Amino acid sequence: MKITDPNAAGIQPPLSPISTTKTDVVSSGSSAKTSKSPTVNASDDVQLSGFGTQLQAKIRETLSSDPPGRAEQVARLAAAYKNGTYKVDSDATSQGIINDSLKIK
């Protein structure tokens, strides 16, 4: 399933992938074995690329520009879900998926 987010316009993808592995060389006699293992270090830190920074700014902008009443609607839905009274309208959901895939509004 392809998800297209109209709010992500203008965000550029990262230029290159980031590697998260390191290479360990283990010697045993005359031959050496190379194994790849995830890099885990207590002093690891995170640095966002330009794409990550743009994405984070877009998320903050989107969250801060919710329409009036959105927070209350989400709270009502969360309470209904928690109480077990939230019922999914499978017909509306499936029709929405079909409409989205056919670009019918």
N, C-alpha and C. Protein backbone atom coordinates (compact mmCIF):
# COMPACT_ATOMS: atom_id res chain seq x y z
N MET A 1 0.86 -1.17 0.00
CA MET A 1 0.00 0.00 0.00
C MET A 1 0.90 1.23 0.00
N LYS A 2 0.59 2.18 -0.88
CA LYS A 2 1.34 3.41 -0.97
C LYS A 2 0.61 4.50 -0.21
N ILE A 3 1.33 5.20 0.64
CA ILE A 3 0.74 6.28 1.41
C ILE A 3 1.38 7.57 0.93
N THR A 4 0.58 8.49 0.48
CA THR A 4 1.08 9.78 0.02
C THR A 4 0.60 10.83 0.99
N ASP A 5 1.55 11.54 1.57
CA ASP A 5 1.22 12.57 2.55
C ASP A 5 1.29 13.94 1.88
N PRO A 6 0.15 14.60 1.67
CA PRO A 6 0.18 15.91 1.03
C PRO A 6 0.87 16.97 1.89
N ASN A 7 1.05 16.70 3.18
CA ASN A 7 1.71 17.66 4.07
C ASN A 7 3.23 17.60 3.96
N ALA A 8 3.77 16.60 3.26
CA ALA A 8 5.21 16.43 3.18
C ALA A 8 5.80 17.14 1.96
N ALA A 9 5.04 17.98 1.31
CA ALA A 9 5.53 18.70 0.13
C ALA A 9 6.71 19.58 0.51
N GLY A 10 7.70 19.58 -0.33
CA GLY A 10 8.85 20.43 -0.11
C GLY A 10 9.94 19.80 0.74
N ILE A 11 9.73 18.61 1.23
CA ILE A 11 10.75 17.94 2.04
C ILE A 11 11.62 17.09 1.11
N GLN A 12 12.91 17.30 1.18
CA GLN A 12 13.83 16.58 0.31
C GLN A 12 14.32 15.30 0.99
N PRO A 13 14.48 14.18 0.24
CA PRO A 13 14.99 12.94 0.82
C PRO A 13 16.47 13.08 1.18
N PRO A 14 16.99 12.21 2.04
CA PRO A 14 18.40 12.28 2.41
C PRO A 14 19.28 12.01 1.19
N LEU A 15 20.49 12.58 1.20
CA LEU A 15 21.39 12.41 0.07
C LEU A 15 22.02 11.03 0.03
N SER A 16 22.35 10.47 1.17
CA SER A 16 22.97 9.15 1.18
C SER A 16 22.54 8.40 2.43
N PRO A 17 22.51 7.05 2.35
CA PRO A 17 22.12 6.28 3.53
C PRO A 17 23.19 6.36 4.61
N ILE A 18 22.77 6.17 5.83
CA ILE A 18 23.69 6.21 6.98
C ILE A 18 23.91 4.79 7.46
N SER A 19 25.17 4.40 7.59
CA SER A 19 25.50 3.05 8.04
C SER A 19 25.45 2.99 9.55
N THR A 20 24.87 1.92 10.09
CA THR A 20 24.79 1.77 11.54
C THR A 20 25.52 0.52 12.01
N THR A 21 26.44 0.02 11.19
CA THR A 21 27.18 -1.17 11.59
C THR A 21 28.67 -0.88 11.60
N LYS A 22 29.39 -1.68 12.35
CA LYS A 22 30.84 -1.59 12.36
C LYS A 22 31.38 -2.97 12.04
N THR A 23 32.61 -3.04 11.61
CA THR A 23 33.21 -4.32 11.26
C THR A 23 34.21 -4.72 12.34
N ASP A 24 34.04 -5.93 12.87
CA ASP A 24 34.95 -6.48 13.86
C ASP A 24 35.78 -7.55 13.17
N VAL A 25 37.07 -7.57 13.42
CA VAL A 25 37.94 -8.60 12.87
C VAL A 25 38.36 -9.50 14.01
N VAL A 26 38.10 -10.80 13.85
CA VAL A 26 38.44 -11.77 14.87
C VAL A 26 39.50 -12.69 14.30
N SER A 27 40.64 -12.76 14.97
CA SER A 27 41.73 -13.61 14.48
C SER A 27 41.67 -14.97 15.15
N SER A 28 41.84 -16.00 14.34
CA SER A 28 41.95 -17.35 14.89
C SER A 28 43.02 -18.09 14.10
N GLY A 29 44.22 -18.09 14.66
CA GLY A 29 45.32 -18.76 13.97
C GLY A 29 45.76 -17.96 12.76
N SER A 30 45.82 -18.63 11.60
CA SER A 30 46.31 -17.97 10.40
C SER A 30 45.20 -17.29 9.60
N SER A 31 43.95 -17.57 9.93
CA SER A 31 42.87 -16.94 9.17
C SER A 31 42.12 -15.94 10.05
N ALA A 32 41.62 -14.91 9.44
CA ALA A 32 40.86 -13.89 10.17
C ALA A 32 39.41 -13.93 9.68
N LYS A 33 38.48 -13.77 10.62
CA LYS A 33 37.07 -13.73 10.28
C LYS A 33 36.56 -12.31 10.49
N THR A 34 35.72 -11.87 9.58
CA THR A 34 35.13 -10.54 9.69
C THR A 34 33.64 -10.70 9.96
N SER A 35 33.16 -10.01 10.97
CA SER A 35 31.73 -10.07 11.27
C SER A 35 31.20 -8.66 11.41
N LYS A 36 29.96 -8.48 11.01
CA LYS A 36 29.33 -7.17 11.16
C LYS A 36 28.37 -7.24 12.33
N SER A 37 28.42 -6.26 13.19
CA SER A 37 27.52 -6.21 14.33
C SER A 37 27.02 -4.79 14.50
N PRO A 38 25.82 -4.61 15.02
CA PRO A 38 25.31 -3.26 15.25
C PRO A 38 26.21 -2.50 16.22
N THR A 39 26.39 -1.23 15.95
CA THR A 39 27.20 -0.40 16.82
C THR A 39 26.34 0.07 17.99
N VAL A 40 26.73 -0.31 19.20
CA VAL A 40 26.02 0.12 20.40
C VAL A 40 27.06 0.69 21.36
N ASN A 41 26.84 1.90 21.80
CA ASN A 41 27.79 2.56 22.65
C ASN A 41 27.02 3.46 23.61
N ALA A 42 27.42 3.48 24.85
CA ALA A 42 26.72 4.29 25.85
C ALA A 42 26.78 5.78 25.52
N SER A 43 27.76 6.19 24.72
CA SER A 43 27.89 7.60 24.39
C SER A 43 27.38 7.93 22.99
N ASP A 44 26.55 7.04 22.43
CA ASP A 44 25.97 7.31 21.11
C ASP A 44 25.10 8.56 21.17
N ASP A 45 25.06 9.29 20.07
CA ASP A 45 24.18 10.44 19.98
C ASP A 45 23.52 10.43 18.60
N VAL A 46 22.52 11.24 18.45
CA VAL A 46 21.76 11.31 17.22
C VAL A 46 21.96 12.67 16.59
N GLN A 47 22.25 12.66 15.29
CA GLN A 47 22.36 13.90 14.54
C GLN A 47 21.41 13.79 13.35
N LEU A 48 20.50 14.72 13.24
CA LEU A 48 19.54 14.71 12.15
C LEU A 48 20.16 15.32 10.90
N SER A 49 19.89 14.67 9.77
CA SER A 49 20.33 15.23 8.50
C SER A 49 19.44 16.42 8.17
N GLY A 50 19.72 17.07 7.07
CA GLY A 50 18.87 18.17 6.64
C GLY A 50 17.44 17.69 6.43
N PHE A 51 17.28 16.49 5.90
CA PHE A 51 15.96 15.91 5.70
C PHE A 51 15.26 15.71 7.03
N GLY A 52 15.97 15.17 8.01
CA GLY A 52 15.38 14.94 9.33
C GLY A 52 14.96 16.23 10.00
N THR A 53 15.77 17.26 9.85
CA THR A 53 15.45 18.56 10.42
C THR A 53 14.22 19.16 9.74
N GLN A 54 14.15 19.04 8.40
CA GLN A 54 12.98 19.54 7.67
C GLN A 54 11.73 18.79 8.08
N LEU A 55 11.86 17.47 8.21
CA LEU A 55 10.72 16.63 8.58
C LEU A 55 10.23 16.99 9.98
N GLN A 56 11.16 17.17 10.90
CA GLN A 56 10.81 17.52 12.28
C GLN A 56 10.09 18.87 12.31
N ALA A 57 10.57 19.85 11.53
CA ALA A 57 9.93 21.16 11.49
C ALA A 57 8.53 21.06 10.89
N LYS A 58 8.38 20.24 9.85
CA LYS A 58 7.06 20.08 9.20
C LYS A 58 6.08 19.40 10.16
N ILE A 59 6.55 18.43 10.93
CA ILE A 59 5.69 17.76 11.91
C ILE A 59 5.23 18.75 12.97
N ARG A 60 6.15 19.54 13.49
CA ARG A 60 5.78 20.54 14.49
C ARG A 60 4.77 21.53 13.95
N GLU A 61 5.00 21.98 12.70
CA GLU A 61 4.08 22.94 12.07
C GLU A 61 2.70 22.32 11.90
N THR A 62 2.65 21.08 11.45
CA THR A 62 1.37 20.40 11.24
C THR A 62 0.63 20.20 12.55
N LEU A 63 1.35 19.78 13.59
CA LEU A 63 0.72 19.55 14.88
C LEU A 63 0.22 20.84 15.51
N SER A 64 0.93 21.93 15.28
CA SER A 64 0.51 23.19 15.89
C SER A 64 -0.62 23.86 15.12
N SER A 65 -0.91 23.38 13.91
CA SER A 65 -1.95 24.02 13.11
C SER A 65 -3.20 23.14 12.99
N ASP A 66 -3.46 22.32 13.99
CA ASP A 66 -4.67 21.50 13.98
C ASP A 66 -5.90 22.39 13.98
N PRO A 67 -6.94 21.97 13.27
CA PRO A 67 -8.17 22.78 13.27
C PRO A 67 -8.81 22.80 14.65
N PRO A 68 -9.62 23.82 14.93
CA PRO A 68 -10.28 23.90 16.24
C PRO A 68 -11.14 22.66 16.49
N GLY A 69 -11.09 22.17 17.70
CA GLY A 69 -11.89 21.00 18.05
C GLY A 69 -11.21 19.68 17.79
N ARG A 70 -10.07 19.70 17.15
CA ARG A 70 -9.37 18.45 16.81
C ARG A 70 -8.93 17.71 18.08
N ALA A 71 -8.39 18.43 19.05
CA ALA A 71 -7.92 17.80 20.29
C ALA A 71 -9.08 17.13 21.02
N GLU A 72 -10.24 17.81 21.04
CA GLU A 72 -11.41 17.22 21.70
C GLU A 72 -11.89 15.97 20.98
N GLN A 73 -11.87 16.01 19.65
CA GLN A 73 -12.29 14.85 18.86
C GLN A 73 -11.36 13.66 19.12
N VAL A 74 -10.06 13.92 19.15
CA VAL A 74 -9.10 12.86 19.42
C VAL A 74 -9.30 12.32 20.83
N ALA A 75 -9.56 13.18 21.79
CA ALA A 75 -9.80 12.74 23.17
C ALA A 75 -11.04 11.86 23.27
N ARG A 76 -12.12 12.24 22.56
CA ARG A 76 -13.35 11.42 22.55
C ARG A 76 -13.08 10.05 21.94
N LEU A 77 -12.36 10.03 20.82
CA LEU A 77 -12.05 8.75 20.18
C LEU A 77 -11.16 7.89 21.07
N ALA A 78 -10.18 8.50 21.72
CA ALA A 78 -9.29 7.75 22.62
C ALA A 78 -10.08 7.16 23.79
N ALA A 79 -11.01 7.94 24.35
CA ALA A 79 -11.82 7.45 25.46
C ALA A 79 -12.72 6.31 25.01
N ALA A 80 -13.33 6.44 23.83
CA ALA A 80 -14.20 5.37 23.31
C ALA A 80 -13.38 4.10 23.06
N TYR A 81 -12.18 4.26 22.54
CA TYR A 81 -11.31 3.10 22.31
C TYR A 81 -10.94 2.44 23.64
N LYS A 82 -10.58 3.27 24.61
CA LYS A 82 -10.18 2.75 25.91
C LYS A 82 -11.33 2.03 26.61
N ASN A 83 -12.54 2.56 26.47
CA ASN A 83 -13.72 1.94 27.08
C ASN A 83 -14.21 0.72 26.32
N GLY A 84 -13.72 0.53 25.11
CA GLY A 84 -14.17 -0.59 24.30
C GLY A 84 -15.45 -0.31 23.54
N THR A 85 -15.84 0.96 23.48
CA THR A 85 -17.07 1.31 22.79
C THR A 85 -16.83 1.83 21.37
N TYR A 86 -15.58 2.00 20.97
CA TYR A 86 -15.28 2.48 19.62
C TYR A 86 -15.48 1.35 18.62
N LYS A 87 -16.31 1.61 17.63
CA LYS A 87 -16.59 0.61 16.61
C LYS A 87 -16.12 1.15 15.26
N VAL A 88 -15.36 0.34 14.55
CA VAL A 88 -14.86 0.72 13.24
C VAL A 88 -15.95 0.46 12.21
N ASP A 89 -16.20 1.44 11.36
CA ASP A 89 -17.15 1.28 10.26
C ASP A 89 -16.37 0.68 9.09
N SER A 90 -16.42 -0.65 8.97
CA SER A 90 -15.62 -1.33 7.96
C SER A 90 -16.02 -0.94 6.55
N ASP A 91 -17.30 -0.65 6.32
CA ASP A 91 -17.74 -0.22 4.99
C ASP A 91 -17.10 1.12 4.61
N ALA A 92 -17.14 2.07 5.53
CA ALA A 92 -16.57 3.39 5.26
C ALA A 92 -15.05 3.30 5.11
N THR A 93 -14.41 2.46 5.92
CA THR A 93 -12.97 2.29 5.84
C THR A 93 -12.57 1.71 4.50
N SER A 94 -13.23 0.62 4.09
CA SER A 94 -12.88 -0.01 2.81
C SER A 94 -13.19 0.92 1.65
N GLN A 95 -14.29 1.66 1.72
CA GLN A 95 -14.61 2.60 0.65
C GLN A 95 -13.58 3.71 0.58
N GLY A 96 -13.10 4.18 1.74
CA GLY A 96 -12.06 5.20 1.77
C GLY A 96 -10.77 4.72 1.16
N ILE A 97 -10.41 3.46 1.43
CA ILE A 97 -9.19 2.89 0.84
C ILE A 97 -9.32 2.82 -0.68
N ILE A 98 -10.49 2.36 -1.15
CA ILE A 98 -10.71 2.26 -2.59
C ILE A 98 -10.71 3.65 -3.23
N ASN A 99 -11.42 4.59 -2.64
CA ASN A 99 -11.45 5.96 -3.17
C ASN A 99 -10.07 6.57 -3.23
N ASP A 100 -9.28 6.34 -2.20
CA ASP A 100 -7.92 6.90 -2.17
C ASP A 100 -7.06 6.29 -3.28
N SER A 101 -7.20 4.99 -3.47
CA SER A 101 -6.39 4.34 -4.50
C SER A 101 -6.80 4.77 -5.90
N LEU A 102 -8.09 5.13 -6.06
CA LEU A 102 -8.59 5.59 -7.36
C LEU A 102 -8.55 7.11 -7.48
N LYS A 103 -8.10 7.78 -6.42
CA LYS A 103 -8.02 9.24 -6.35
C LYS A 103 -9.39 9.89 -6.51
N ILE A 104 -10.41 9.27 -5.94
CA ILE A 104 -11.75 9.83 -5.94
C ILE A 104 -11.94 10.62 -4.64
N LYS A 105 -12.39 11.81 -4.75
CA LYS A 105 -12.56 12.63 -3.54
C LYS A 105 -14.01 12.80 -3.23
